[in-house]
Amino acid sequence: RDSARGVPMGGDLMAAPDGGAPRFMVRALRDPNGANLDRIQIVKGWVGQDGALEEQVHDVAWAGDRMPDENGKLPPVGNTVKGAEFTNDIGRAILSAYWEDPDFDPTARAVYYVRVLEIPTPTWLAYDKAYYGDAMQVPDDALWVHQERAYTSPVWYTPG
């Protein structure tokens, strides 16, 4: 029923669905040769009444039995990185969710996009260091671990 009225990522939502809030179905699969997934987030942006750009990040699906804290913040997934190696012992290969905007204002413009985070993996600098060893000069503040992210195109909401 919703798919007949749906808007793909990158599309324009020109009216609130049946006077209600936008609803999103999201699903992400890890790269077959890559790291497992940590979480799916929906990022909402809008212009506040004071004219300032506002943003809110909603964790909508995540791996493991973690629960958001009292501030709604999800704890880290963990970290299996050792040098230039990692394992897929944490995270999940597939994540999916159905989410409805709990703070939707049908009179205000908004933008939504999906962000997917992988579990922590070594940076390319870590791989280079493992290959070149002590012959490689590395800054003291070098990052050895990071979390890759993927982003969708946005869906723009414009009131009728």
Foldseek 3Di string as FASTA:
>chain_A
DVVVVDDDFVEEAEAADVPFFDKDKDKDFDDPPDFAWAFKKKKKWFQDPVRDIDIDIATFKGWDDWAQDPVRHTDAQDFQDDQQDGDNPTHHRMIIGMDTDPPDDLATKMKMKMKIKGHKGFDVVSVVCVVPPPVDDDDPPDDGIDIDMDMTHMYIYHHD
